[in-house]
Amino acid sequence: TLMARAFRAAGVLKAGWTPETAADWILALTHIDLWQHLVVEAGWKPAVHVDRIVATLHETLLDTQER
């Protein structure tokens, strides 16, 4: 929740997200079950998994367009 609150305080949390819902989304995408499925079971490389999660979080949560 602290990270999501910091996003809001910085003015970069996209419209439609609250710090609470953003924190839920961050937790869901970084949960060990997702790692287990993609890296262990599906054979993704760990670095690829991390890169995709970071990109997804950035794209869905952050409004970083020039203002």
PDB file of N, CA and C in Angstrom:
ATOM      1  N   THR A   1       0.821  -1.195   0.000  1.00  0.00           N
ATOM      2  CA  THR A   1       0.000   0.000   0.000  1.00  0.00           C
ATOM      3  C   THR A   1       0.862   1.254   0.000  1.00  0.00           C
ATOM      4  N   LEU A   2       2.020   1.192   0.634  1.00  0.00           N
ATOM      5  CA  LEU A   2       2.892   2.363   0.667  1.00  0.00           C
ATOM      6  C   LEU A   2       3.330   2.784  -0.737  1.00  0.00           C
ATOM      7  N   MET A   3       3.653   1.817  -1.569  1.00  0.00           N
ATOM      8  CA  MET A   3       4.059   2.139  -2.933  1.00  0.00           C
ATOM      9  C   MET A   3       2.909   2.787  -3.689  1.00  0.00           C
ATOM     10  N   ALA A   4       1.718   2.236  -3.563  1.00  0.00           N
ATOM     11  CA  ALA A   4       0.557   2.786  -4.264  1.00  0.00           C
ATOM     12  C   ALA A   4       0.224   4.184  -3.747  1.00  0.00           C
ATOM     13  N   ARG A   5       0.359   4.398  -2.460  1.00  0.00           N
ATOM     14  CA  ARG A   5       0.136   5.741  -1.906  1.00  0.00           C
ATOM     15  C   ARG A   5       1.178   6.730  -2.431  1.00  0.00           C
ATOM     16  N   ALA A   6       2.399   6.265  -2.584  1.00  0.00           N
ATOM     17  CA  ALA A   6       3.453   7.125  -3.136  1.00  0.00           C
ATOM     18  C   ALA A   6       3.152   7.478  -4.588  1.00  0.00           C
ATOM     19  N   PHE A   7       2.627   6.514  -5.350  1.00  0.00           N
ATOM     20  CA  PHE A   7       2.230   6.810  -6.731  1.00  0.00           C
ATOM     21  C   PHE A   7       1.168   7.907  -6.752  1.00  0.00           C
ATOM     22  N   ARG A   8       0.170   7.781  -5.870  1.00  0.00           N
ATOM     23  CA  ARG A   8      -0.889   8.789  -5.822  1.00  0.00           C
ATOM     24  C   ARG A   8      -0.318  10.147  -5.401  1.00  0.00           C
ATOM     25  N   ALA A   9       0.519  10.142  -4.386  1.00  0.00           N
ATOM     26  CA  ALA A   9       1.106  11.401  -3.906  1.00  0.00           C
ATOM     27  C   ALA A   9       1.943  12.076  -4.987  1.00  0.00           C
ATOM     28  N   ALA A  10       2.575  11.279  -5.835  1.00  0.00           N
ATOM     29  CA  ALA A  10       3.382  11.828  -6.932  1.00  0.00           C
ATOM     30  C   ALA A  10       2.527  12.239  -8.118  1.00  0.00           C
ATOM     31  N   GLY A  11       1.229  11.921  -8.063  1.00  0.00           N
ATOM     32  CA  GLY A  11       0.327  12.282  -9.147  1.00  0.00           C
ATOM     33  C   GLY A  11       0.434  11.398 -10.372  1.00  0.00           C
ATOM     34  N   VAL A  12       0.937  10.177 -10.206  1.00  0.00           N
ATOM     35  CA  VAL A  12       1.110   9.293 -11.363  1.00  0.00           C
ATOM     36  C   VAL A  12       0.205   8.065 -11.341  1.00  0.00           C
ATOM     37  N   LEU A  13      -0.615   7.909 -10.315  1.00  0.00           N
ATOM     38  CA  LEU A  13      -1.544   6.779 -10.273  1.00  0.00           C
ATOM     39  C   LEU A  13      -2.680   7.063 -11.246  1.00  0.00           C
ATOM     40  N   LYS A  14      -2.898   6.148 -12.186  1.00  0.00           N
ATOM     41  CA  LYS A  14      -3.925   6.364 -13.215  1.00  0.00           C
ATOM     42  C   LYS A  14      -5.306   6.521 -12.595  1.00  0.00           C
ATOM     43  N   ALA A  15      -6.136   7.277 -13.299  1.00  0.00           N
ATOM     44  CA  ALA A  15      -7.526   7.450 -12.897  1.00  0.00           C
ATOM     45  C   ALA A  15      -8.197   6.084 -12.831  1.00  0.00           C
ATOM     46  N   GLY A  16      -9.080   5.925 -11.871  1.00  0.00           N
ATOM     47  CA  GLY A  16      -9.798   4.669 -11.716  1.00  0.00           C
ATOM     48  C   GLY A  16      -9.161   3.741 -10.694  1.00  0.00           C
ATOM     49  N   TRP A  17      -7.959   4.062 -10.269  1.00  0.00           N
ATOM     50  CA  TRP A  17      -7.275   3.267  -9.255  1.00  0.00           C
ATOM     51  C   TRP A  17      -7.230   4.046  -7.948  1.00  0.00           C
ATOM     52  N   THR A  18      -7.441   3.338  -6.861  1.00  0.00           N
ATOM     53  CA  THR A  18      -7.191   3.907  -5.540  1.00  0.00           C
ATOM     54  C   THR A  18      -5.905   3.260  -5.041  1.00  0.00           C
ATOM     55  N   PRO A  19      -5.290   3.830  -4.033  1.00  0.00           N
ATOM     56  CA  PRO A  19      -4.107   3.155  -3.489  1.00  0.00           C
ATOM     57  C   PRO A  19      -4.424   1.725  -3.027  1.00  0.00           C
ATOM     58  N   GLU A  20      -5.609   1.517  -2.513  1.00  0.00           N
ATOM     59  CA  GLU A  20      -5.988   0.183  -2.038  1.00  0.00           C
ATOM     60  C   GLU A  20      -6.143  -0.814  -3.186  1.00  0.00           C
ATOM     61  N   THR A  21      -6.848  -0.410  -4.252  1.00  0.00           N
ATOM     62  CA  THR A  21      -7.015  -1.336  -5.379  1.00  0.00           C
ATOM     63  C   THR A  21      -5.693  -1.540  -6.112  1.00  0.00           C
ATOM     64  N   ALA A  22      -4.878  -0.495  -6.197  1.00  0.00           N
ATOM     65  CA  ALA A  22      -3.560  -0.639  -6.820  1.00  0.00           C
ATOM     66  C   ALA A  22      -2.689  -1.593  -6.002  1.00  0.00           C
ATOM     67  N   ALA A  23      -2.747  -1.493  -4.688  1.00  0.00           N
ATOM     68  CA  ALA A  23      -1.972  -2.404  -3.837  1.00  0.00           C
ATOM     69  C   ALA A  23      -2.437  -3.845  -4.034  1.00  0.00           C
ATOM     70  N   ASP A  24      -3.744  -4.040  -4.153  1.00  0.00           N
ATOM     71  CA  ASP A  24      -4.268  -5.381  -4.422  1.00  0.00           C
ATOM     72  C   ASP A  24      -3.725  -5.924  -5.742  1.00  0.00           C
ATOM     73  N   TRP A  25      -3.686  -5.081  -6.760  1.00  0.00           N
ATOM     74  CA  TRP A  25      -3.213  -5.484  -8.085  1.00  0.00           C
ATOM     75  C   TRP A  25      -1.721  -5.827  -8.042  1.00  0.00           C
ATOM     76  N   ILE A  26      -0.945  -5.006  -7.336  1.00  0.00           N
ATOM     77  CA  ILE A  26       0.485  -5.274  -7.189  1.00  0.00           C
ATOM     78  C   ILE A  26       0.694  -6.620  -6.508  1.00  0.00           C
ATOM     79  N   LEU A  27      -0.046  -6.862  -5.446  1.00  0.00           N
ATOM     80  CA  LEU A  27       0.077  -8.137  -4.732  1.00  0.00           C
ATOM     81  C   LEU A  27      -0.293  -9.314  -5.631  1.00  0.00           C
ATOM     82  N   ALA A  28      -1.364  -9.173  -6.383  1.00  0.00           N
ATOM     83  CA  ALA A  28      -1.801 -10.260  -7.263  1.00  0.00           C
ATOM     84  C   ALA A  28      -0.735 -10.604  -8.302  1.00  0.00           C
ATOM     85  N   LEU A  29      -0.125  -9.574  -8.894  1.00  0.00           N
ATOM     86  CA  LEU A  29       0.852  -9.824  -9.949  1.00  0.00           C
ATOM     87  C   LEU A  29       2.213 -10.262  -9.420  1.00  0.00           C
ATOM     88  N   THR A  30       2.466 -10.041  -8.145  1.00  0.00           N
ATOM     89  CA  THR A  30       3.749 -10.446  -7.583  1.00  0.00           C
ATOM     90  C   THR A  30       3.605 -11.650  -6.653  1.00  0.00           C
ATOM     91  N   HIS A  31       2.433 -12.240  -6.619  1.00  0.00           N
ATOM     92  CA  HIS A  31       2.193 -13.396  -5.753  1.00  0.00           C
ATOM     93  C   HIS A  31       3.014 -14.594  -6.212  1.00  0.00           C
ATOM     94  N   ILE A  32       3.475 -15.370  -5.269  1.00  0.00           N
ATOM     95  CA  ILE A  32       4.309 -16.532  -5.564  1.00  0.00           C
ATOM     96  C   ILE A  32       3.614 -17.541  -6.478  1.00  0.00           C
ATOM     97  N   ASP A  33       2.295 -17.617  -6.432  1.00  0.00           N
ATOM     98  CA  ASP A  33       1.583 -18.557  -7.309  1.00  0.00           C
ATOM     99  C   ASP A  33       1.800 -18.229  -8.783  1.00  0.00           C
ATOM    100  N   LEU A  34       1.859 -16.948  -9.120  1.00  0.00           N
ATOM    101  CA  LEU A  34       2.104 -16.560 -10.513  1.00  0.00           C
ATOM    102  C   LEU A  34       3.517 -16.954 -10.919  1.00  0.00           C
ATOM    103  N   TRP A  35       4.485 -16.725 -10.034  1.00  0.00           N
ATOM    104  CA  TRP A  35       5.870 -17.158 -10.272  1.00  0.00           C
ATOM    105  C   TRP A  35       5.907 -18.672 -10.480  1.00  0.00           C
ATOM    106  N   GLN A  36       5.265 -19.396  -9.602  1.00  0.00           N
ATOM    107  CA  GLN A  36       5.245 -20.857  -9.683  1.00  0.00           C
ATOM    108  C   GLN A  36       4.702 -21.312 -11.040  1.00  0.00           C
ATOM    109  N   HIS A  37       3.604 -20.705 -11.438  1.00  0.00           N
ATOM    110  CA  HIS A  37       2.997 -21.116 -12.704  1.00  0.00           C
ATOM    111  C   HIS A  37       3.893 -20.782 -13.892  1.00  0.00           C
ATOM    112  N   LEU A  38       4.336 -19.546 -13.988  1.00  0.00           N
ATOM    113  CA  LEU A  38       5.062 -19.118 -15.184  1.00  0.00           C
ATOM    114  C   LEU A  38       6.509 -19.589 -15.224  1.00  0.00           C
ATOM    115  N   VAL A  39       7.228 -19.473 -14.116  1.00  0.00           N
ATOM    116  CA  VAL A  39       8.648 -19.829 -14.120  1.00  0.00           C
ATOM    117  C   VAL A  39       8.853 -21.327 -13.939  1.00  0.00           C
ATOM    118  N   VAL A  40       8.225 -21.882 -12.927  1.00  0.00           N
ATOM    119  CA  VAL A  40       8.460 -23.297 -12.626  1.00  0.00           C
ATOM    120  C   VAL A  40       7.715 -24.212 -13.597  1.00  0.00           C
ATOM    121  N   GLU A  41       6.426 -23.964 -13.769  1.00  0.00           N
ATOM    122  CA  GLU A  41       5.620 -24.879 -14.578  1.00  0.00           C
ATOM    123  C   GLU A  41       5.688 -24.595 -16.079  1.00  0.00           C
ATOM    124  N   ALA A  42       5.680 -23.334 -16.460  1.00  0.00           N
ATOM    125  CA  ALA A  42       5.659 -23.003 -17.887  1.00  0.00           C
ATOM    126  C   ALA A  42       7.051 -22.758 -18.468  1.00  0.00           C
ATOM    127  N   GLY A  43       8.062 -22.687 -17.600  1.00  0.00           N
ATOM    128  CA  GLY A  43       9.430 -22.575 -18.087  1.00  0.00           C
ATOM    129  C   GLY A  43       9.909 -21.185 -18.459  1.00  0.00           C
ATOM    130  N   TRP A  44       9.196 -20.156 -18.022  1.00  0.00           N
ATOM    131  CA  TRP A  44       9.671 -18.805 -18.300  1.00  0.00           C
ATOM    132  C   TRP A  44      10.995 -18.579 -17.578  1.00  0.00           C
ATOM    133  N   LYS A  45      11.859 -17.787 -18.179  1.00  0.00           N
ATOM    134  CA  LYS A  45      13.092 -17.390 -17.504  1.00  0.00           C
ATOM    135  C   LYS A  45      12.726 -16.374 -16.421  1.00  0.00           C
ATOM    136  N   PRO A  46      13.348 -16.463 -15.256  1.00  0.00           N
ATOM    137  CA  PRO A  46      13.017 -15.533 -14.177  1.00  0.00           C
ATOM    138  C   PRO A  46      13.116 -14.061 -14.582  1.00  0.00           C
ATOM    139  N   ALA A  47      14.144 -13.698 -15.323  1.00  0.00           N
ATOM    140  CA  ALA A  47      14.307 -12.299 -15.732  1.00  0.00           C
ATOM    141  C   ALA A  47      13.169 -11.846 -16.645  1.00  0.00           C
ATOM    142  N   VAL A  48      12.707 -12.732 -17.512  1.00  0.00           N
ATOM    143  CA  VAL A  48      11.588 -12.402 -18.395  1.00  0.00           C
ATOM    144  C   VAL A  48      10.325 -12.191 -17.571  1.00  0.00           C
ATOM    145  N   HIS A  49      10.100 -13.061 -16.601  1.00  0.00           N
ATOM    146  CA  HIS A  49       8.935 -12.922 -15.718  1.00  0.00           C
ATOM    147  C   HIS A  49       8.955 -11.569 -15.025  1.00  0.00           C
ATOM    148  N   VAL A  50      10.076 -11.219 -14.432  1.00  0.00           N
ATOM    149  CA  VAL A  50      10.187  -9.940 -13.718  1.00  0.00           C
ATOM    150  C   VAL A  50       9.966  -8.778 -14.672  1.00  0.00           C
ATOM    151  N   ASP A  51      10.594  -8.813 -15.835  1.00  0.00           N
ATOM    152  CA  ASP A  51      10.427  -7.730 -16.813  1.00  0.00           C
ATOM    153  C   ASP A  51       8.960  -7.566 -17.213  1.00  0.00           C
ATOM    154  N   ARG A  52       8.265  -8.668 -17.448  1.00  0.00           N
ATOM    155  CA  ARG A  52       6.850  -8.603 -17.856  1.00  0.00           C
ATOM    156  C   ARG A  52       5.972  -8.060 -16.736  1.00  0.00           C
ATOM    157  N   ILE A  53       6.244  -8.473 -15.506  1.00  0.00           N
ATOM    158  CA  ILE A  53       5.447  -7.987 -14.379  1.00  0.00           C
ATOM    159  C   ILE A  53       5.660  -6.484 -14.201  1.00  0.00           C
ATOM    160  N   VAL A  54       6.894  -6.051 -14.242  1.00  0.00           N
ATOM    161  CA  VAL A  54       7.186  -4.623 -14.087  1.00  0.00           C
ATOM    162  C   VAL A  54       6.520  -3.829 -15.206  1.00  0.00           C
ATOM    163  N   ALA A  55       6.621  -4.304 -16.428  1.00  0.00           N
ATOM    164  CA  ALA A  55       5.998  -3.603 -17.557  1.00  0.00           C
ATOM    165  C   ALA A  55       4.484  -3.545 -17.401  1.00  0.00           C
ATOM    166  N   THR A  56       3.892  -4.653 -16.983  1.00  0.00           N
ATOM    167  CA  THR A  56       2.443  -4.691 -16.801  1.00  0.00           C
ATOM    168  C   THR A  56       1.991  -3.732 -15.709  1.00  0.00           C
ATOM    169  N   LEU A  57       2.704  -3.730 -14.594  1.00  0.00           N
ATOM    170  CA  LEU A  57       2.352  -2.804 -13.512  1.00  0.00           C
ATOM    171  C   LEU A  57       2.494  -1.358 -13.975  1.00  0.00           C
ATOM    172  N   HIS A  58       3.555  -1.070 -14.682  1.00  0.00           N
ATOM    173  CA  HIS A  58       3.769   0.294 -15.183  1.00  0.00           C
ATOM    174  C   HIS A  58       2.643   0.709 -16.117  1.00  0.00           C
ATOM    175  N   GLU A  59       2.299  -0.159 -17.063  1.00  0.00           N
ATOM    176  CA  GLU A  59       1.277   0.170 -18.057  1.00  0.00           C
ATOM    177  C   GLU A  59      -0.117   0.307 -17.456  1.00  0.00           C
ATOM    178  N   THR A  60      -0.434  -0.519 -16.462  1.00  0.00           N
ATOM    179  CA  THR A  60      -1.794  -0.500 -15.926  1.00  0.00           C
ATOM    180  C   THR A  60      -1.995   0.529 -14.825  1.00  0.00           C
ATOM    181  N   LEU A  61      -0.958   0.830 -14.060  1.00  0.00           N
ATOM    182  CA  LEU A  61      -1.142   1.694 -12.896  1.00  0.00           C
ATOM    183  C   LEU A  61      -0.649   3.126 -13.058  1.00  0.00           C
ATOM    184  N   LEU A  62       0.342   3.336 -13.893  1.00  0.00           N
ATOM    185  CA  LEU A  62       0.996   4.639 -13.906  1.00  0.00           C
ATOM    186  C   LEU A  62       0.657   5.480 -15.121  1.00  0.00           C
ATOM    187  N   ASP A  63       0.331   6.718 -14.840  1.00  0.00           N
ATOM    188  CA  ASP A  63       0.100   7.720 -15.883  1.00  0.00           C
ATOM    189  C   ASP A  63       1.357   8.583 -15.934  1.00  0.00           C
ATOM    190  N   THR A  64       2.249   8.221 -16.830  1.00  0.00           N
ATOM    191  CA  THR A  64       3.526   8.914 -16.897  1.00  0.00           C
ATOM    192  C   THR A  64       3.668   9.739 -18.178  1.00  0.00           C
ATOM    193  N   GLN A  65       2.541  10.042 -18.802  1.00  0.00           N
ATOM    194  CA  GLN A  65       2.579  10.862 -20.011  1.00  0.00           C
ATOM    195  C   GLN A  65       3.008  12.284 -19.651  1.00  0.00           C
ATOM    196  N   GLU A  66       3.625  12.923 -20.606  1.00  0.00           N
ATOM    197  CA  GLU A  66       4.021  14.323 -20.413  1.00  0.00           C
ATOM    198  C   GLU A  66       2.799  15.164 -20.093  1.00  0.00           C
ATOM    199  N   ARG A  67       2.915  16.029 -19.157  1.00  0.00           N
ATOM    200  CA  ARG A  67       1.813  16.911 -18.775  1.00  0.00           C
ATOM    201  C   ARG A  67       2.099  18.324 -19.142  1.00  0.00           C
TER     202      ARG A  67
END
